[in-house]
């Protein structure tokens, strides 16, 4: 029996997978979503134990990995920041060797990309990156599944990311889109352009896929003819001291009704990986409103609640895509090469 092209592999950055493999994961996610909706069991990981390591808190990532594991017949075990000793009392390599003997797969969500890479090197089981400061690969499968569901195709789609162009979501969108043949534009102030190494990598993939890669600080130029507008929080975890700076820089890059009109496309969809600061109905939002006098940040409440928004479908798709990634890499499925 042939071994799956995914079996035993870790999923720690999109650049480790080619176009056909990423497309397979997107399509497999859609298939598993259909099975879920139809109530058809799919216990590809029956009897497996999954460790969920969280240095950074999360609603969607934890919920998605937990429900995905259970749907696949596996048992997920959550280990939060106070439960793990990564690099504190025990080296990452030693932790990986221990957990790899107890669990069949390991998810990690935290700060350092080096940590998840070291886990993958020493665990001896598949390791899945739930987010690091550099990359957010499981989010990408969900994102491009959402785009494919809405348009029926990916190659040639114009996806525009507006906001902080240096964060993990922007990095992952740029590279994943380039691999898949999606035209990617990052619309952000020049001081927040992605790192040159990320742009170079994206351009290398774009040369193979035919994608067009653009960076611009010009909003009207950048959003014209967009099929997808995507944004994320202006201040990432650990950067809370940059609120004033980011608000000043990024207010012109807020997704609002005017920006939607600038696309010239009434069917444009809006994505956001959440949580979104579209109002002041949270403790966080109230604090920002009090300190800076604004009620909305990266996206207006009007657009967030509009028919253009697909952020909740996108959030649900995290579960289906994570399920596909875990099943493909750990489920010993027969997946022939394309």
Protein backbone atom coordinates (compact mmCIF):
# COMPACT_ATOMS: atom_id res chain seq x y z
CA UNK A 1 0.00 0.00 0.00
CA UNK A 2 1.33 3.42 -0.93
CA UNK A 3 2.14 5.89 1.83
CA UNK A 4 0.22 9.17 1.79
CA UNK A 5 2.17 12.20 0.59
CA UNK A 6 1.08 13.85 3.87
CA UNK A 7 1.49 11.00 6.36
CA UNK A 8 3.72 11.89 9.31
CA UNK A 9 4.47 15.42 8.07
CA UNK A 10 4.22 18.48 10.26
CA UNK A 11 2.34 21.62 9.20
CA UNK A 12 4.43 24.50 10.48
CA UNK A 13 4.56 26.90 7.50
CA UNK A 14 2.73 27.09 4.18
CA UNK A 15 5.98 27.30 2.24
CA UNK A 16 6.66 23.65 3.13
CA UNK A 17 3.78 22.54 0.85
CA UNK A 18 3.32 22.94 -2.89
CA UNK A 19 0.31 24.22 -4.79
CA UNK A 20 -1.22 20.78 -5.39
CA UNK A 21 -0.88 19.85 -1.71
CA UNK A 22 -2.44 23.08 -0.47
CA UNK A 23 -5.27 22.73 -2.97
CA UNK A 24 -5.83 19.17 -1.76
CA UNK A 25 -6.10 20.36 1.85
CA UNK A 26 -8.60 23.05 0.82
CA UNK A 27 -10.70 20.53 -1.13
CA UNK A 28 -10.46 17.93 1.65
CA UNK A 29 -11.63 20.60 4.11
CA UNK A 30 -14.69 21.17 1.94
CA UNK A 31 -15.33 17.42 1.83
CA UNK A 32 -15.09 17.06 5.60
CA UNK A 33 -17.38 20.07 6.00
CA UNK A 34 -19.96 18.35 3.82
CA UNK A 35 -19.67 15.16 5.88
CA UNK A 36 -20.14 17.18 9.06
CA UNK A 37 -23.24 18.93 7.69
CA UNK A 38 -24.68 15.59 6.59
CA UNK A 39 -24.03 14.01 9.98
CA UNK A 40 -21.73 11.35 8.50
CA UNK A 41 -19.05 10.12 10.95
CA UNK A 42 -15.42 10.45 9.85
CA UNK A 43 -13.28 9.00 12.65
CA UNK A 44 -9.98 8.98 10.81
CA UNK A 45 -8.08 9.47 14.09
CA UNK A 46 -9.96 6.96 16.25
CA UNK A 47 -7.98 6.27 19.44
CA UNK A 48 -5.38 8.99 18.84
CA UNK A 49 -4.33 11.48 21.54
CA UNK A 50 -3.62 15.09 20.59
CA UNK A 51 -1.69 17.61 22.72
CA UNK A 52 -2.79 21.24 22.38
CA UNK A 53 0.02 23.53 23.57
CA UNK A 54 -0.99 27.17 24.04
CA UNK A 55 1.49 29.90 24.99
CA UNK A 56 -0.94 32.44 23.45
CA UNK A 57 -4.60 32.39 24.33
CA UNK A 58 -7.19 31.85 21.62
CA UNK A 59 -10.91 31.29 21.16
CA UNK A 60 -11.08 30.01 17.58
CA UNK A 61 -7.85 28.01 17.47
CA UNK A 62 -8.56 26.14 20.69
CA UNK A 63 -12.21 25.54 19.84
CA UNK A 64 -11.37 24.48 16.28
CA UNK A 65 -8.63 22.01 17.26
CA UNK A 66 -10.75 20.59 20.09
CA UNK A 67 -13.89 20.01 18.03
CA UNK A 68 -11.88 18.82 15.03
CA UNK A 69 -10.04 16.23 17.13
CA UNK A 70 -13.26 14.97 18.70
CA UNK A 71 -15.03 14.74 15.32
CA UNK A 72 -12.09 12.68 14.06
CA UNK A 73 -12.40 10.31 17.03
CA UNK A 74 -9.29 11.59 18.82
CA UNK A 75 -8.87 12.84 22.40
CA UNK A 76 -7.52 16.42 22.70
CA UNK A 77 -5.63 17.46 25.82
CA UNK A 78 -5.23 21.20 26.43
CA UNK A 79 -1.97 22.39 28.00
CA UNK A 80 -1.95 26.13 28.66
CA UNK A 81 0.86 28.54 29.41
CA UNK A 82 0.94 27.51 33.07
CA UNK A 83 0.99 23.81 32.19
CA UNK A 84 4.03 23.73 29.92
CA UNK A 85 7.68 24.56 30.62
CA UNK A 86 8.91 25.24 27.10
CA UNK A 87 12.35 26.76 27.43
CA UNK A 88 11.82 27.62 31.11
CA UNK A 89 12.43 24.57 33.27
CA UNK A 90 12.77 22.20 30.34
CA UNK A 91 14.16 22.66 26.86
CA UNK A 92 11.82 22.62 23.90
CA UNK A 93 13.63 19.57 22.52
CA UNK A 94 13.20 17.62 25.77
CA UNK A 95 9.54 18.58 25.98
CA UNK A 96 9.05 17.46 22.38
CA UNK A 97 10.63 14.06 23.08
CA UNK A 98 8.42 13.53 26.13
CA UNK A 99 5.17 14.62 24.53
CA UNK A 100 5.95 12.70 21.34
CA UNK A 101 6.04 9.48 23.38
CA UNK A 102 2.66 10.23 24.96
CA UNK A 103 0.72 11.86 22.14
CA UNK A 104 0.15 11.03 18.48
CA UNK A 105 0.14 14.66 17.35
CA UNK A 106 0.97 18.08 18.83
CA UNK A 107 -0.52 21.52 18.15
CA UNK A 108 1.44 24.60 19.22
CA UNK A 109 0.23 28.19 19.40
CA UNK A 110 2.75 30.68 20.69
CA UNK A 111 5.36 33.28 19.95
CA UNK A 112 8.49 31.81 18.40
CA UNK A 113 8.57 30.02 15.06
CA UNK A 114 11.78 28.38 16.25
CA UNK A 115 9.81 26.72 19.06
CA UNK A 116 7.35 25.00 16.75
CA UNK A 117 10.17 24.00 14.40
CA UNK A 118 12.10 22.45 17.30
CA UNK A 119 8.98 20.60 18.43
CA UNK A 120 8.59 19.21 14.92
CA UNK A 121 12.26 18.22 14.78
CA UNK A 122 12.30 16.21 18.01
CA UNK A 123 8.74 15.04 18.71
CA UNK A 124 8.65 12.17 16.22
CA UNK A 125 4.96 12.88 15.57
CA UNK A 126 3.19 15.48 13.40
CA UNK A 127 3.28 19.01 14.81
CA UNK A 128 0.76 21.63 13.68
CA UNK A 129 1.38 25.37 13.93
CA UNK A 130 -1.71 27.04 15.43
CA UNK A 131 0.05 30.44 15.13
CA UNK A 132 3.45 31.97 15.75
CA UNK A 133 4.72 35.50 15.36
CA UNK A 134 5.86 34.64 11.82
CA UNK A 135 3.20 32.37 10.29
CA UNK A 136 -0.46 31.34 10.67
CA UNK A 137 -0.77 28.34 8.32
CA UNK A 138 -3.95 26.64 9.59
CA UNK A 139 -5.75 29.98 9.19
CA UNK A 140 -4.76 30.05 5.53
CA UNK A 141 -6.49 26.81 4.60
CA UNK A 142 -9.69 28.15 6.17
CA UNK A 143 -9.29 31.52 4.46
CA UNK A 144 -8.79 30.17 0.96
CA UNK A 145 -11.55 27.61 1.50
CA UNK A 146 -13.85 30.55 2.27
CA UNK A 147 -12.76 32.32 -0.93
CA UNK A 148 -13.23 29.16 -2.99
CA UNK A 149 -16.71 28.64 -1.52
CA UNK A 150 -17.71 32.16 -2.55
CA UNK A 151 -16.21 32.31 -6.05
CA UNK A 152 -15.76 28.70 -7.07
CA UNK A 153 -12.07 29.14 -7.90
CA UNK A 154 -8.83 30.61 -6.57
CA UNK A 155 -6.38 31.24 -9.42
CA UNK A 156 -6.76 34.83 -10.62
CA UNK A 157 -8.68 36.07 -7.59
CA UNK A 158 -7.60 39.55 -6.43
CA UNK A 159 -7.13 39.42 -2.66
CA UNK A 160 -6.22 42.67 -0.90
CA UNK A 161 -4.94 42.75 2.64
CA UNK A 162 -5.18 46.17 4.30
CA UNK A 163 -3.66 47.04 7.66
CA UNK A 164 -0.50 45.94 9.44
CA UNK A 165 1.55 44.42 6.65
CA UNK A 166 4.25 43.02 8.90
CA UNK A 167 2.21 40.58 10.97
CA UNK A 168 1.90 36.80 10.70
CA UNK A 169 -1.42 36.90 8.82
CA UNK A 170 -0.03 39.24 6.16
CA UNK A 171 3.06 37.03 5.79
CA UNK A 172 0.99 33.89 5.39
CA UNK A 173 -1.53 35.43 3.00
CA UNK A 174 1.21 36.79 0.78
CA UNK A 175 3.10 33.50 0.48
CA UNK A 176 0.08 31.17 0.38
CA UNK A 177 -1.66 33.32 -2.21
CA UNK A 178 1.47 33.38 -4.34
CA UNK A 179 1.72 29.57 -4.20
CA UNK A 180 -1.96 29.17 -5.16
CA UNK A 181 -1.94 31.68 -8.02
CA UNK A 182 -4.02 34.27 -6.16
CA UNK A 183 -3.10 37.89 -6.94
CA UNK A 184 -2.01 39.33 -3.61
CA UNK A 185 -1.83 43.00 -2.71
CA UNK A 186 -0.66 44.31 0.63
CA UNK A 187 -2.01 47.82 1.18
CA UNK A 188 -0.26 49.43 4.12
CA UNK A 189 2.01 52.37 5.02
CA UNK A 190 5.53 51.91 3.68
CA UNK A 191 6.87 51.58 7.23
CA UNK A 192 4.68 48.49 7.64
CA UNK A 193 5.52 46.75 4.36
CA UNK A 194 6.29 43.03 4.84
CA UNK A 195 9.89 42.05 5.41
CA UNK A 196 11.89 41.96 2.17
CA UNK A 197 12.62 38.26 2.63
CA UNK A 198 8.87 37.50 2.68
CA UNK A 199 8.29 39.59 -0.45
CA UNK A 200 11.18 37.84 -2.22
CA UNK A 201 9.79 34.43 -1.28
CA UNK A 202 6.31 35.37 -2.49
CA UNK A 203 7.68 36.63 -5.79
CA UNK A 204 9.53 33.35 -6.31
CA UNK A 205 6.30 31.40 -5.93
CA UNK A 206 4.39 33.92 -8.04
CA UNK A 207 6.82 33.38 -10.91
CA UNK A 208 5.72 29.73 -10.94
CA UNK A 209 1.97 30.21 -10.35
CA UNK A 210 1.36 33.37 -12.39
CA UNK A 211 0.16 35.34 -9.38
CA UNK A 212 0.71 39.10 -9.32
CA UNK A 213 2.26 40.41 -6.09
CA UNK A 214 1.98 44.10 -5.18
CA UNK A 215 2.83 46.31 -2.19
CA UNK A 216 1.42 49.81 -2.05
CA UNK A 217 0.50 52.55 0.39
CA UNK A 218 -2.04 53.93 -2.10
CA UNK A 219 -5.51 52.82 -0.96
CA UNK A 220 -7.56 53.62 -4.11
CA UNK A 221 -4.95 51.95 -6.32
CA UNK A 222 -4.52 48.98 -4.01
CA UNK A 223 -8.18 48.05 -3.54
CA UNK A 224 -9.36 48.61 -7.14
CA UNK A 225 -11.02 45.50 -8.62
CA UNK A 226 -10.61 43.51 -5.41
CA UNK A 227 -12.61 40.31 -5.03
CA UNK A 228 -11.59 40.02 -1.38
CA UNK A 229 -10.71 42.62 1.25
CA UNK A 230 -8.96 41.17 4.28
CA UNK A 231 -7.91 42.90 7.48
CA UNK A 232 -6.64 42.02 10.94
CA UNK A 233 -6.11 43.81 14.23
CA UNK A 234 -3.79 46.78 14.09
CA UNK A 235 -1.92 45.75 17.25
CA UNK A 236 -0.84 42.14 17.76
CA UNK A 237 -0.29 40.35 21.07
CA UNK A 238 2.77 41.77 22.79
CA UNK A 239 2.59 45.11 20.95
CA UNK A 240 0.07 46.86 23.17
CA UNK A 241 2.43 49.81 23.61
CA UNK A 242 2.02 50.64 19.90
CA UNK A 243 -1.69 51.56 19.93
CA UNK A 244 -1.22 55.31 19.45
CA UNK A 245 1.34 54.79 16.69
CA UNK A 246 -0.77 52.23 14.82
CA UNK A 247 -4.01 54.20 15.08
CA UNK A 248 -2.24 57.23 13.63
CA UNK A 249 -0.67 55.18 10.82
CA UNK A 250 -3.53 52.87 9.92
CA UNK A 251 -6.72 54.92 10.23
CA UNK A 252 -6.63 55.65 6.46
CA UNK A 253 -6.51 51.85 5.91
CA UNK A 254 -9.71 51.05 7.80
CA UNK A 255 -12.18 48.87 5.89
CA UNK A 256 -15.28 51.05 5.63
CA UNK A 257 -18.07 51.66 3.13
CA UNK A 258 -15.93 54.12 1.16
CA UNK A 259 -13.21 51.48 0.72
CA UNK A 260 -15.78 48.96 -0.49
CA UNK A 261 -16.98 51.51 -3.05
CA UNK A 262 -13.38 52.08 -4.18
CA UNK A 263 -13.08 48.43 -5.19
CA UNK A 264 -15.70 48.96 -7.88
CA UNK A 265 -17.02 45.49 -7.10
CA UNK A 266 -20.42 45.16 -5.43
CA UNK A 267 -19.74 41.46 -4.84
CA UNK A 268 -16.49 42.03 -2.92
CA UNK A 269 -16.30 39.92 0.24
CA UNK A 270 -14.65 40.93 3.51
CA UNK A 271 -12.57 38.60 5.64
CA UNK A 272 -11.19 39.03 9.17
CA UNK A 273 -9.52 36.31 11.23
CA UNK A 274 -11.05 37.76 14.43
CA UNK A 275 -11.36 39.09 17.05
CA UNK A 276 -12.34 42.35 15.34
CA UNK A 277 -12.51 45.79 16.93
CA UNK A 278 -15.58 47.00 15.04
CA UNK A 279 -17.31 48.60 18.04
CA UNK A 280 -16.72 49.37 21.73
CA UNK A 281 -18.94 46.61 23.14
CA UNK A 282 -16.02 44.85 24.86
CA UNK A 283 -13.82 45.80 27.80
CA UNK A 284 -10.95 46.13 25.34
CA UNK A 285 -12.99 48.31 23.00
CA UNK A 286 -14.18 50.52 25.84
CA UNK A 287 -10.61 51.09 26.99
CA UNK A 288 -9.50 52.07 23.48
CA UNK A 289 -12.53 54.35 23.11
CA UNK A 290 -11.70 56.06 26.39
CA UNK A 291 -7.98 56.46 25.66
CA UNK A 292 -8.11 57.33 21.97
CA UNK A 293 -11.66 58.52 21.33
CA UNK A 294 -12.46 55.99 18.60
CA UNK A 295 -15.30 53.46 18.47
CA UNK A 296 -13.98 51.36 15.58
CA UNK A 297 -10.52 50.37 14.43
CA UNK A 298 -9.57 48.15 11.48
CA UNK A 299 -13.15 47.69 10.26
CA UNK A 300 -16.35 49.65 10.76
CA UNK A 301 -19.36 48.10 12.42
CA UNK A 302 -21.42 48.84 9.31
CA UNK A 303 -19.16 46.75 7.06
CA UNK A 304 -18.60 44.06 9.68
CA UNK A 305 -22.35 43.43 9.88
CA UNK A 306 -22.99 43.88 6.16
CA UNK A 307 -23.80 41.22 3.58
CA UNK A 308 -20.21 41.54 2.32
CA UNK A 309 -18.81 40.06 5.53
CA UNK A 310 -17.76 36.41 5.54
CA UNK A 311 -15.83 36.42 8.82
CA UNK A 312 -18.11 33.97 10.62
CA UNK A 313 -18.08 31.44 7.77
CA UNK A 314 -14.31 31.93 7.79
CA UNK A 315 -14.18 31.25 11.54
CA UNK A 316 -16.24 28.06 11.17
CA UNK A 317 -13.92 26.93 8.40
CA UNK A 318 -11.04 26.90 10.87
CA UNK A 319 -12.52 23.70 12.30
CA UNK A 320 -12.96 22.02 8.93
CA UNK A 321 -9.50 22.99 7.69
CA UNK A 322 -7.76 21.94 10.89
CA UNK A 323 -9.63 18.65 10.70
CA UNK A 324 -8.33 18.14 7.16
CA UNK A 325 -4.75 18.95 8.16
CA UNK A 326 -4.79 16.57 11.14
CA UNK A 327 -6.51 13.75 9.22
CA UNK A 328 -4.18 14.04 6.23
CA UNK A 329 -0.97 14.05 8.27
CA UNK A 330 -1.95 11.59 11.00
CA UNK A 331 -4.84 9.53 9.63
CA UNK A 332 -2.85 7.20 7.35
CA UNK A 333 -5.21 8.03 4.50
CA UNK A 334 -4.56 6.87 0.96
CA UNK A 335 -3.78 10.12 -0.85
CA UNK A 336 -1.98 9.44 -4.14
CA UNK A 337 0.28 12.01 -5.73
CA UNK A 338 -1.49 14.25 -8.24
